[in-house]
Protein backbone atom coordinates (compact mmCIF):
# COMPACT_ATOMS: atom_id res chain seq x y z
CA UNK A 1 44.42 -13.64 -9.96
CA UNK A 2 43.90 -13.41 -6.20
CA UNK A 3 47.32 -11.77 -5.91
CA UNK A 4 46.31 -9.11 -8.42
CA UNK A 5 43.10 -8.42 -6.46
CA UNK A 6 45.09 -8.06 -3.26
CA UNK A 7 47.41 -5.55 -4.94
CA UNK A 8 44.62 -3.50 -6.49
CA UNK A 9 42.23 -3.64 -3.54
CA UNK A 10 44.50 -3.69 -0.51
CA UNK A 11 43.49 -2.10 2.78
CA UNK A 12 45.95 0.78 2.40
CA UNK A 13 44.42 1.82 -0.94
CA UNK A 14 40.88 1.56 0.42
CA UNK A 15 41.89 3.75 3.37
CA UNK A 16 43.46 6.27 1.00
CA UNK A 17 40.18 6.45 -0.93
CA UNK A 18 38.28 6.90 2.33
CA UNK A 19 40.62 9.73 3.41
CA UNK A 20 40.21 11.62 0.14
CA UNK A 21 36.44 11.10 0.14
CA UNK A 22 35.88 12.25 3.72
CA UNK A 23 38.14 15.33 3.52
CA UNK A 24 36.67 16.48 0.18
CA UNK A 25 33.09 16.04 1.37
CA UNK A 26 33.82 17.78 4.67
CA UNK A 27 35.41 20.75 2.89
CA UNK A 28 32.58 20.88 0.35
CA UNK A 29 29.95 21.04 3.08
CA UNK A 30 31.80 23.83 4.86
CA UNK A 31 32.06 25.82 1.64
CA UNK A 32 28.32 25.59 0.90
CA UNK A 33 26.71 28.83 1.99
CA UNK A 34 23.51 28.60 4.04
CA UNK A 35 22.17 31.97 5.26
CA UNK A 36 22.24 32.27 9.04
CA UNK A 37 18.58 33.21 9.42
CA UNK A 38 15.79 32.08 11.71
CA UNK A 39 14.46 29.99 8.82
CA UNK A 40 17.64 28.01 8.25
CA UNK A 41 19.63 28.08 11.48
CA UNK A 42 19.10 24.38 12.20
CA UNK A 43 20.10 23.50 8.66
CA UNK A 44 23.32 25.48 9.09
CA UNK A 45 24.10 23.74 12.37
CA UNK A 46 23.41 20.31 10.88
CA UNK A 47 25.58 21.06 7.83
CA UNK A 48 28.54 22.08 9.97
CA UNK A 49 28.12 19.09 12.31
CA UNK A 50 28.14 16.64 9.39
CA UNK A 51 31.24 18.36 7.96
CA UNK A 52 33.02 18.01 11.32
CA UNK A 53 32.03 14.33 11.40
CA UNK A 54 33.67 13.76 8.01
CA UNK A 55 36.85 15.48 9.19
CA UNK A 56 36.95 13.29 12.30
CA UNK A 57 36.62 10.26 10.03
CA UNK A 58 39.53 11.61 7.99
CA UNK A 59 41.75 11.75 11.09
CA UNK A 60 40.77 8.21 12.13
CA UNK A 61 41.34 6.83 8.63
CA UNK A 62 44.77 8.49 8.58
CA UNK A 63 45.68 7.05 12.00
CA UNK A 64 44.78 3.61 10.72
CA UNK A 65 46.83 4.08 7.56
CA UNK A 66 49.81 5.38 9.56
CA UNK A 67 50.11 2.07 11.44
CA UNK A 68 49.99 -0.08 8.31
CA UNK A 69 53.33 -1.76 9.08
CA UNK A 70 52.42 -3.23 12.47
CA UNK A 71 51.83 -6.95 13.05
CA UNK A 72 48.21 -8.14 12.79
CA UNK A 73 47.29 -5.01 10.86
CA UNK A 74 44.00 -6.55 9.65
CA UNK A 75 42.74 -6.74 13.24
CA UNK A 76 43.91 -3.20 13.95
CA UNK A 77 42.17 -1.84 10.84
CA UNK A 78 38.98 -3.66 11.83
CA UNK A 79 39.05 -2.02 15.27
CA UNK A 80 39.72 1.39 13.72
CA UNK A 81 36.75 1.01 11.36
CA UNK A 82 34.66 0.01 14.36
CA UNK A 83 35.74 3.24 16.07
CA UNK A 84 34.88 5.23 12.92
CA UNK A 85 31.37 3.77 12.78
CA UNK A 86 30.76 4.22 16.51
CA UNK A 87 31.71 7.91 16.50
CA UNK A 88 30.10 8.77 13.15
CA UNK A 89 26.93 6.93 14.18
CA UNK A 90 26.60 9.16 17.24
CA UNK A 91 27.33 12.42 15.36
CA UNK A 92 25.26 11.72 12.23
CA UNK A 93 22.32 10.43 14.27
CA UNK A 94 22.32 13.61 16.32
CA UNK A 95 22.57 15.69 13.13
CA UNK A 96 19.49 14.16 11.52
CA UNK A 97 17.51 14.11 14.76
CA UNK A 98 18.39 17.76 15.35
CA UNK A 99 17.29 18.57 11.79
CA UNK A 100 13.85 17.14 12.57
CA UNK A 101 13.48 18.35 16.15
CA UNK A 102 15.60 20.38 18.52
CA UNK A 103 18.04 17.99 20.14
CA UNK A 104 19.51 18.03 23.63
CA UNK A 105 23.05 19.40 23.19
CA UNK A 106 24.24 18.20 26.62
CA UNK A 107 23.18 14.61 25.89
CA UNK A 108 24.87 14.77 22.51
CA UNK A 109 28.21 15.90 23.92
CA UNK A 110 27.96 13.31 26.69
CA UNK A 111 27.19 10.60 24.14
CA UNK A 112 30.07 11.55 21.86
CA UNK A 113 32.41 11.91 24.86
CA UNK A 114 31.57 8.42 26.12
CA UNK A 115 31.98 6.93 22.64
CA UNK A 116 35.36 8.65 22.27
CA UNK A 117 36.48 7.39 25.70
CA UNK A 118 35.51 3.79 25.02
CA UNK A 119 37.04 4.00 21.54
CA UNK A 120 40.33 5.13 23.06
CA UNK A 121 40.17 2.27 25.57
CA UNK A 122 39.46 -0.21 22.77
CA UNK A 123 42.48 0.95 20.77
CA UNK A 124 44.69 0.80 23.87
CA UNK A 125 43.48 -2.76 24.48
CA UNK A 126 44.79 -3.79 21.06
CA UNK A 127 48.36 -3.39 22.35
CA UNK A 128 47.72 -5.44 25.48
CA UNK A 129 48.53 -9.12 25.71
CA UNK A 130 45.76 -11.34 24.37
CA UNK A 131 44.09 -12.09 27.69
CA UNK A 132 40.67 -11.98 29.43
CA UNK A 133 40.84 -8.22 30.07
CA UNK A 134 41.38 -7.45 26.38
CA UNK A 135 38.45 -9.68 25.36
CA UNK A 136 36.25 -8.12 28.06
CA UNK A 137 36.95 -4.61 26.76
CA UNK A 138 36.15 -5.63 23.18
CA UNK A 139 32.90 -7.37 24.13
CA UNK A 140 31.84 -4.43 26.34
CA UNK A 141 32.48 -1.95 23.52
CA UNK A 142 30.46 -4.03 21.06
CA UNK A 143 27.52 -4.28 23.50
CA UNK A 144 27.62 -0.53 24.14
CA UNK A 145 27.73 0.11 20.38
CA UNK A 146 24.61 -2.01 19.83
CA UNK A 147 22.81 -0.25 22.70
CA UNK A 148 23.80 3.12 21.27
CA UNK A 149 22.48 2.22 17.80
CA UNK A 150 19.17 0.94 19.19
CA UNK A 151 18.66 4.04 21.34
CA UNK A 152 19.43 6.32 18.39
CA UNK A 153 16.95 4.44 16.20
CA UNK A 154 14.21 4.85 18.83
CA UNK A 155 14.90 8.57 19.28
CA UNK A 156 15.02 9.15 15.52
CA UNK A 157 11.77 7.27 14.98
CA UNK A 158 10.03 9.41 17.61
CA UNK A 159 11.40 12.65 16.11
CA UNK A 160 10.41 11.63 12.59
CA UNK A 161 6.82 10.84 13.61
CA UNK A 162 6.53 14.20 15.35
CA UNK A 163 7.80 16.04 12.30
CA UNK A 164 5.35 14.22 10.01
CA UNK A 165 2.64 15.34 12.44
CA UNK A 166 3.82 18.90 11.97
CA UNK A 167 3.51 18.58 8.21
CA UNK A 168 0.01 17.15 8.44
CA UNK A 169 -1.08 19.85 10.86
CA UNK A 170 0.51 22.78 9.11
CA UNK A 171 -0.08 21.97 5.43
CA UNK A 172 -3.36 20.10 5.87
CA UNK A 173 -2.26 17.66 3.13
CA UNK A 174 0.38 15.01 2.55
CA UNK A 175 3.65 16.90 2.28
CA UNK A 176 5.91 14.59 4.31
CA UNK A 177 7.64 13.54 1.07
CA UNK A 178 9.93 16.54 1.67
CA UNK A 179 11.62 14.69 4.50
CA UNK A 180 11.32 11.05 3.40
CA UNK A 181 14.94 11.17 2.21
CA UNK A 182 15.99 11.75 5.83
CA UNK A 183 14.36 8.52 6.96
CA UNK A 184 15.75 6.56 4.01
CA UNK A 185 19.26 7.97 4.56
CA UNK A 186 19.03 7.13 8.25
CA UNK A 187 18.08 3.52 7.50
CA UNK A 188 21.00 3.19 5.07
CA UNK A 189 23.29 4.82 7.63
CA UNK A 190 22.34 2.51 10.51
CA UNK A 191 22.60 -0.59 8.32
CA UNK A 192 26.05 0.54 7.17
CA UNK A 193 27.15 1.28 10.74
CA UNK A 194 25.92 -2.00 12.23
CA UNK A 195 27.30 -4.07 9.35
CA UNK A 196 30.75 -3.45 10.79
CA UNK A 197 29.97 -6.18 13.33
CA UNK A 198 29.46 -8.65 10.47
CA UNK A 199 32.70 -7.68 8.76
CA UNK A 200 34.64 -8.00 12.01
CA UNK A 201 33.59 -11.65 12.19
CA UNK A 202 34.59 -12.42 8.60
CA UNK A 203 38.07 -13.73 7.72
CA UNK A 204 40.90 -11.25 7.11
CA UNK A 205 40.73 -9.47 3.79
CA UNK A 206 37.09 -8.37 3.90
CA UNK A 207 37.65 -5.14 5.83
CA UNK A 208 38.95 -3.37 2.73
CA UNK A 209 35.58 -4.05 1.09
CA UNK A 210 33.78 -2.45 4.02
CA UNK A 211 36.11 0.57 3.87
CA UNK A 212 35.26 1.12 0.19
CA UNK A 213 31.58 0.65 1.01
CA UNK A 214 31.86 3.24 3.76
CA UNK A 215 33.35 5.73 1.30
CA UNK A 216 30.37 5.15 -1.01
CA UNK A 217 28.01 5.63 1.92
CA UNK A 218 29.60 9.00 2.75
CA UNK A 219 29.18 10.07 -0.87
CA UNK A 220 25.53 9.00 -0.89
CA UNK A 221 24.77 10.68 2.43
CA UNK A 222 26.49 13.94 1.45
CA UNK A 223 24.81 14.00 -1.98
CA UNK A 224 21.35 13.68 -0.43
CA UNK A 225 22.04 16.35 2.16
CA UNK A 226 23.48 18.77 -0.40
CA UNK A 227 20.42 18.19 -2.58
CA UNK A 228 18.27 19.03 0.44
CA UNK A 229 20.23 22.23 1.00
CA UNK A 230 19.56 23.17 -2.61
CA UNK A 231 15.82 23.05 -2.04
CA UNK A 232 15.36 26.80 -1.62
CA UNK A 233 11.59 26.44 -1.55
CA UNK A 234 11.85 24.38 1.62
CA UNK A 235 14.28 26.85 3.16
CA UNK A 236 11.97 29.79 2.53
CA UNK A 237 8.48 28.42 3.07
CA UNK A 238 6.57 28.59 6.32
CA UNK A 239 7.36 25.04 7.36
CA UNK A 240 11.08 25.76 7.35
CA UNK A 241 10.39 28.67 9.65
CA UNK A 242 8.32 26.63 12.09
CA UNK A 243 9.80 23.15 11.90
CA UNK A 244 13.46 23.92 11.25
CA UNK A 245 13.93 27.06 13.32
CA UNK A 246 14.07 25.38 16.70
CA UNK A 247 10.49 25.89 17.92
CA UNK A 248 9.29 23.12 20.18
CA UNK A 249 6.54 20.79 19.03
CA UNK A 250 4.97 20.86 22.49
CA UNK A 251 3.23 24.08 21.49
CA UNK A 252 1.84 22.37 18.41
CA UNK A 253 0.59 19.33 20.33
CA UNK A 254 -1.12 21.55 22.88
CA UNK A 255 -2.89 23.47 20.12
CA UNK A 256 -4.10 20.18 18.61
CA UNK A 257 -5.48 19.13 21.98
CA UNK A 258 -7.34 22.42 22.28
CA UNK A 259 -8.72 22.03 18.76
CA UNK A 260 -9.90 18.50 19.57
CA UNK A 261 -11.55 19.67 22.76
CA UNK A 262 -13.23 22.53 20.89
CA UNK A 263 -14.56 20.18 18.22
CA UNK A 264 -16.21 18.07 20.92
CA UNK A 265 -18.18 21.06 22.16
CA UNK A 266 -20.90 22.99 20.28
CA UNK A 267 -19.52 25.42 17.70
CA UNK A 268 -19.45 29.01 18.94
CA UNK A 269 -22.12 31.33 17.64
CA UNK A 270 -20.94 33.06 14.50
CA UNK A 271 -22.66 35.94 12.78
CA UNK A 272 -24.74 34.71 9.82
CA UNK A 273 -23.35 37.55 7.77
CA UNK A 274 -19.87 36.13 8.38
CA UNK A 275 -20.98 32.81 6.89
CA UNK A 276 -22.60 34.46 3.86
CA UNK A 277 -19.43 36.44 3.29
CA UNK A 278 -17.39 33.26 3.50
CA UNK A 279 -19.72 31.45 1.07
CA UNK A 280 -19.24 34.17 -1.53
CA UNK A 281 -15.48 34.05 -1.04
CA UNK A 282 -15.54 30.26 -1.45
CA UNK A 283 -17.61 30.50 -4.64
CA UNK A 284 -15.07 32.90 -6.12
CA UNK A 285 -12.20 30.73 -4.82
CA UNK A 286 -13.68 27.68 -6.59
CA UNK A 287 -14.45 29.65 -9.75
CA UNK A 288 -10.80 30.71 -9.96
CA UNK A 289 -9.79 27.09 -9.28
CA UNK A 290 -7.61 28.10 -6.36
CA UNK A 291 -8.15 24.61 -4.93
CA UNK A 292 -5.53 23.43 -7.44
CA UNK A 293 -2.83 25.34 -5.55
CA UNK A 294 -0.92 23.11 -3.16
CA UNK A 295 1.82 23.62 -0.59
CA UNK A 296 -0.26 26.13 1.37
CA UNK A 297 -1.01 26.23 5.07
CA UNK A 298 -4.44 26.52 6.65
CA UNK A 299 -3.62 30.05 7.72
CA UNK A 300 -2.74 31.08 4.16
CA UNK A 301 -5.98 29.68 2.72
CA UNK A 302 -8.05 31.31 5.46
CA UNK A 303 -6.40 34.66 4.72
CA UNK A 304 -7.21 34.27 1.02
CA UNK A 305 -10.86 33.81 2.02
CA UNK A 306 -10.73 36.82 4.41
CA UNK A 307 -11.53 34.70 7.44
CA UNK A 308 -9.78 32.71 10.16
CA UNK A 309 -8.94 29.01 10.11
CA UNK A 310 -11.27 28.47 13.11
CA UNK A 311 -14.28 29.98 11.32
CA UNK A 312 -13.39 28.07 8.14
CA UNK A 313 -13.28 24.82 10.12
CA UNK A 314 -16.63 25.41 11.85
CA UNK A 315 -18.30 26.47 8.60
CA UNK A 316 -17.44 23.22 6.85
CA UNK A 317 -18.30 21.01 9.81
CA UNK A 318 -21.65 22.68 10.54
CA UNK A 319 -22.80 23.68 7.03
CA UNK A 320 -21.29 21.07 4.71
CA UNK A 321 -20.80 18.14 7.07
CA UNK A 322 -17.20 17.55 5.96
CA UNK A 323 -13.87 19.11 6.76
CA UNK A 324 -12.21 21.55 4.36
CA UNK A 325 -9.48 19.09 3.39
CA UNK A 326 -11.97 16.43 2.22
CA UNK A 327 -14.06 19.02 0.35
CA UNK A 328 -10.99 20.37 -1.45
CA UNK A 329 -9.80 16.85 -2.34
CA UNK A 330 -13.15 16.10 -4.02
CA UNK A 331 -12.82 19.30 -6.09
CA UNK A 332 -9.32 18.27 -7.15
CA UNK A 333 -10.49 14.78 -8.13
CA UNK A 334 -13.37 16.23 -10.17
CA UNK A 335 -10.87 18.47 -11.96
CA UNK A 336 -8.61 15.48 -12.60
CA UNK A 337 -11.53 13.46 -13.99
CA UNK A 338 -12.28 16.24 -16.46
CA UNK A 339 -8.63 16.68 -17.48
CA UNK A 340 -8.09 12.96 -17.97
CA UNK A 341 -10.85 12.87 -20.56
CA UNK A 342 -10.03 16.20 -22.21
CA UNK A 343 -6.35 15.48 -22.83
CA UNK A 344 -5.75 11.77 -23.21
CA UNK A 345 -2.14 12.29 -24.28
CA UNK A 346 -1.11 13.96 -21.03
CA UNK A 347 0.46 11.70 -18.42
CA UNK A 348 -1.44 11.06 -15.20
CA UNK A 349 1.49 12.62 -13.29
CA UNK A 350 0.98 15.94 -15.09
CA UNK A 351 -2.79 15.71 -14.63
CA UNK A 352 -2.30 15.08 -10.91
CA UNK A 353 -0.05 18.12 -10.50
CA UNK A 354 -2.35 20.40 -12.51
CA UNK A 355 -5.32 19.25 -10.43
CA UNK A 356 -3.50 20.16 -7.23
CA UNK A 357 -1.79 16.98 -6.02
CA UNK A 358 1.90 17.32 -5.22
CA UNK A 359 2.31 13.60 -4.58
CA UNK A 360 1.55 10.98 -7.25
CA UNK A 361 0.81 8.15 -4.82
CA UNK A 362 -1.59 10.35 -2.86
CA UNK A 363 -3.41 11.30 -6.08
CA UNK A 364 -3.84 7.66 -7.10
CA UNK A 365 -5.03 6.67 -3.62
CA UNK A 366 -7.55 9.51 -3.37
CA UNK A 367 -8.82 8.92 -6.93
CA UNK A 368 -9.53 5.24 -6.25
CA UNK A 369 -11.15 6.09 -2.92
CA UNK A 370 -13.52 8.72 -4.35
CA UNK A 371 -14.16 7.50 -7.89
CA UNK A 372 -13.89 3.76 -7.31
CA UNK A 373 -11.36 3.09 -10.07
CA UNK A 374 -7.85 4.11 -11.05
CA UNK A 375 -7.15 7.22 -13.20
CA UNK A 376 -6.13 4.93 -16.07
CA UNK A 377 -9.38 2.95 -15.85
CA UNK A 378 -11.37 6.19 -15.81
CA UNK A 379 -9.62 7.47 -18.92
CA UNK A 380 -9.71 4.16 -20.84
CA UNK A 381 -13.46 3.78 -20.21
CA UNK A 382 -14.25 7.40 -21.21
CA UNK A 383 -15.58 8.07 -17.75
CA UNK A 384 -17.76 4.93 -17.54
CA UNK A 385 -15.68 2.41 -15.58
CA UNK A 386 -18.76 0.42 -14.53
CA UNK A 387 -19.53 -0.54 -18.15
């Protein structure tokens, strides 16, 4: 039985699968058309970088397969897979970080260059006599790999938090779900990359399992990215223009600081007629139930009300005692309460979307916070959860 397994799942076959997977995915990514516009330039760059990464993996997999007849091939294949993970970790990390925030191209090329140099040295060391120098090179490369992974994780975490801040600032509601796949993919990627260290310590025969796993990881990563590319709404909306076009977040942070400083000082004098005009516009806005529309920026809503976002902010703080976001959320919850009782056959997910919530978890959280019970409890009790 074990002999049959070795025949079916030998290292050469697993490398062949990896070669086919990486070259097909790389070609597929290159063939996908992304318009070279200001809105999608970073997406285009990321797509091409990931495709190049897959082609580099193809070359490395082929080099490993080409030496299949050498003595101690299991050790050689383990080192080659270590090289694959080290190089792909650097390139894919940069790709996702660059997708979130503009990356430093010089640091990227330096990083990849150093990884390539140490990878070459590691492969040369395989042919040396088994002595202290060979062991030193291997240990040094492993330490550098771990340092590289940790540094990439820290940089990615910082970039992700900044991008979530952009979403919160621009959309004025929880829209970060659009990029959660990036964080999840990155976690899977780093776990897959660092697991090579575990497989290198296992007895011979396990590396073919890791090679198959790596092929599955490439499929998963590419599928998620291609799905992201297919999200035309994200490509065309205002966030794509601001967050994915290469504009620095420093400008955004500075504007937030100014807004915070302004809110700590007395509101500027605004013509009373301006407020009355805004109140009429808000009454009409509520009557038309425009609060149910989501995925809009503060600027868009202010334009609909024929005012500016600054005046809108000061009006709610000084006249209503709450911010616009909280006021709108209450309106959405009231609408959801009504819909839950009117149509008891409709799912809470549909009710949430109709009421203006684009995220189910956010709807449930806000409903419990404002009403004091879950949507299901509200519906089951006919609007009297306290009874």
